[in-house]
Amino acid sequence: MPLRKFCLILLVAVAPAMAVAAVRGASLRVGGEQASLTAREQQVWRSAVHDSEFAAIPHVSTRSSCAATQPPEALATPNPLLDKPDPASKVTVSFIIGTDGRVHSPLILESNGTSQDRSVLDAVRSWRYRPAMCNGVPTEAEAKIEFSSR
């Protein structure tokens, strides 16, 4: 048992010293001369940045065309519960109808105040659609709607 404790203490005391010695002695050859690990690391980062400046980035300049398109179909679109109808009040919302038929990223485009915005956004988030179709494949669609008490 005392030998085991002695070995553990020796290991704890010697291991950090060996690690420091290994890091200090680490040097790599770069271009025929000795370079420290830090210098080699800086060279690697410089070359990576340089390569990324000139890397080819694929761009899709044209969208695939849809021979057969079908707009989204509303399945459940309950009206928002507005506190007090104001004849001058108008709220415009933009949102995306996902491939799953759910509303994503609703955004208030126009509003007369924040009092009814929350109830409008909550109602729009609960809406469900049959997604838009492009050549028989569900696709995302953007929509915009205006709520007013007129």
Protein backbone atom coordinates (compact mmCIF):
# COMPACT_ATOMS: atom_id res chain seq x y z
CA MET A 1 0.00 0.00 0.00
CA PRO A 2 2.75 2.57 0.79
CA LEU A 3 4.43 1.68 -2.54
CA ARG A 4 1.19 2.38 -4.37
CA LYS A 5 0.85 5.82 -2.71
CA PHE A 6 4.48 6.61 -3.52
CA CYS A 7 3.97 5.73 -7.21
CA LEU A 8 0.83 7.85 -7.39
CA ILE A 9 2.59 10.85 -5.81
CA LEU A 10 5.56 10.38 -8.13
CA LEU A 11 3.27 10.22 -11.15
CA VAL A 12 1.38 13.36 -10.10
CA ALA A 13 4.63 15.27 -9.53
CA VAL A 14 6.51 14.12 -12.66
CA ALA A 15 3.72 14.14 -15.29
CA PRO A 16 3.33 17.95 -15.50
CA ALA A 17 7.09 18.41 -15.74
CA MET A 18 7.27 15.89 -18.58
CA ALA A 19 4.39 17.57 -20.42
CA VAL A 20 6.05 20.99 -20.19
CA ALA A 21 9.34 19.54 -21.43
CA ALA A 22 7.57 17.88 -24.34
CA VAL A 23 5.87 21.13 -25.38
CA ARG A 24 9.04 23.23 -25.06
CA GLY A 25 11.05 20.74 -27.06
CA ALA A 26 8.44 20.40 -29.78
CA SER A 27 9.62 22.00 -32.98
CA LEU A 28 8.82 21.25 -36.56
CA ARG A 29 10.83 21.77 -39.71
CA VAL A 30 9.37 24.42 -41.97
CA GLY A 31 11.29 25.25 -45.15
CA GLY A 32 14.58 23.75 -43.94
CA GLU A 33 14.79 25.62 -40.64
CA GLN A 34 13.60 24.94 -37.12
CA ALA A 35 10.31 26.61 -36.18
CA SER A 36 8.46 26.63 -32.91
CA LEU A 37 5.05 25.12 -32.58
CA THR A 38 3.55 28.63 -32.42
CA ALA A 39 5.22 29.66 -35.70
CA ARG A 40 4.05 26.47 -37.41
CA GLU A 41 0.52 27.04 -36.11
CA GLN A 42 0.51 30.60 -37.48
CA GLN A 43 1.66 29.35 -40.88
CA VAL A 44 -1.12 26.77 -40.97
CA TRP A 45 -3.72 29.42 -40.14
CA ARG A 46 -2.35 31.83 -42.77
CA SER A 47 -2.50 29.23 -45.51
CA ALA A 48 -6.03 28.21 -44.54
CA VAL A 49 -7.22 31.81 -44.71
CA HIS A 50 -5.44 32.32 -48.02
CA ASP A 51 -6.99 29.17 -49.51
CA SER A 52 -10.48 30.15 -48.40
CA GLU A 53 -10.22 33.50 -50.16
CA PHE A 54 -9.86 31.77 -53.51
CA ALA A 55 -11.98 28.70 -52.93
CA ALA A 56 -14.67 28.09 -55.50
CA ILE A 57 -18.10 28.72 -54.05
CA PRO A 58 -20.91 27.05 -55.93
CA HIS A 59 -23.72 29.47 -56.70
CA VAL A 60 -27.14 28.50 -57.87
CA SER A 61 -28.10 31.34 -60.16
CA THR A 62 -31.24 29.73 -61.49
CA ARG A 63 -34.03 28.04 -59.59
CA SER A 64 -35.39 24.79 -60.80
CA SER A 65 -38.55 25.43 -62.75
CA CYS A 66 -41.82 23.85 -61.79
CA ALA A 67 -43.86 22.46 -64.63
CA ALA A 68 -46.81 21.72 -62.35
CA THR A 69 -47.33 24.09 -59.42
CA GLN A 70 -50.06 24.02 -56.84
CA PRO A 71 -50.49 26.80 -54.22
CA PRO A 72 -50.86 25.98 -50.52
CA GLU A 73 -54.37 25.12 -49.37
CA ALA A 74 -55.69 26.39 -46.03
CA LEU A 75 -56.89 23.60 -43.74
CA ALA A 76 -57.33 25.43 -40.42
CA THR A 77 -57.04 29.22 -40.16
CA PRO A 78 -58.97 30.45 -37.13
CA ASN A 79 -59.33 34.22 -36.75
CA PRO A 80 -57.34 35.87 -33.95
CA LEU A 81 -59.25 36.99 -30.89
CA LEU A 82 -58.82 40.74 -30.89
CA ASP A 83 -59.48 42.58 -27.62
CA LYS A 84 -61.37 45.61 -28.84
CA PRO A 85 -62.01 46.09 -32.52
CA ASP A 86 -60.74 49.46 -33.70
CA PRO A 87 -61.91 50.54 -37.17
CA ALA A 88 -58.53 52.15 -37.92
CA SER A 89 -56.55 49.14 -36.70
CA LYS A 90 -54.69 47.07 -39.30
CA VAL A 91 -52.07 44.34 -38.83
CA THR A 92 -50.11 42.84 -41.75
CA VAL A 93 -48.26 39.56 -41.22
CA SER A 94 -45.78 37.75 -43.45
CA PHE A 95 -44.96 34.08 -42.91
CA ILE A 96 -43.61 30.94 -44.53
CA ILE A 97 -45.71 27.83 -45.07
CA GLY A 98 -43.30 24.94 -44.63
CA THR A 99 -43.21 21.59 -46.36
CA ASP A 100 -44.93 20.18 -43.27
CA GLY A 101 -47.89 22.58 -43.67
CA ARG A 102 -47.06 24.52 -40.52
CA VAL A 103 -46.48 28.28 -40.34
CA HIS A 104 -42.85 29.25 -39.81
CA SER A 105 -41.28 32.65 -39.06
CA PRO A 106 -44.37 34.85 -38.77
CA LEU A 107 -43.35 38.51 -38.89
CA ILE A 108 -45.40 41.65 -38.28
CA LEU A 109 -44.91 43.95 -41.27
CA GLU A 110 -47.38 46.67 -40.32
CA SER A 111 -49.11 47.42 -37.05
CA ASN A 112 -50.81 50.26 -35.19
CA GLY A 113 -49.44 49.15 -31.85
CA THR A 114 -48.32 46.11 -29.92
CA SER A 115 -51.59 45.53 -28.08
CA GLN A 116 -53.00 43.03 -30.58
CA ASP A 117 -49.79 41.82 -32.21
CA ARG A 118 -49.34 38.93 -29.78
CA SER A 119 -52.82 37.50 -30.36
CA VAL A 120 -52.41 37.82 -34.14
CA LEU A 121 -49.02 36.05 -34.09
CA ASP A 122 -50.36 33.29 -31.82
CA ALA A 123 -53.31 32.71 -34.15
CA VAL A 124 -51.12 32.64 -37.27
CA ARG A 125 -48.69 30.17 -35.66
CA SER A 126 -51.59 27.76 -35.07
CA TRP A 127 -52.69 27.76 -38.73
CA ARG A 128 -52.27 24.59 -40.81
CA TYR A 129 -52.01 24.26 -44.57
CA ARG A 130 -51.64 21.62 -47.22
CA PRO A 131 -48.19 22.66 -48.51
CA ALA A 132 -47.52 24.12 -51.93
CA MET A 133 -46.45 21.57 -54.53
CA CYS A 134 -43.78 21.80 -57.20
CA ASN A 135 -43.83 18.86 -59.63
CA GLY A 136 -45.62 16.80 -56.99
CA VAL A 137 -43.05 17.58 -54.25
CA PRO A 138 -44.03 19.67 -51.19
CA THR A 139 -42.20 23.00 -51.17
CA GLU A 140 -42.11 26.09 -48.98
CA ALA A 141 -44.22 29.12 -49.87
CA GLU A 142 -44.32 32.66 -48.57
CA ALA A 143 -47.62 34.30 -47.67
CA LYS A 144 -48.80 37.69 -46.48
CA ILE A 145 -52.12 38.49 -44.86
CA GLU A 146 -53.78 41.60 -43.48
CA PHE A 147 -56.13 41.70 -40.50
CA SER A 148 -58.48 44.64 -40.05
CA SER A 149 -61.82 45.18 -38.36
CA ARG A 150 -63.46 46.60 -41.48
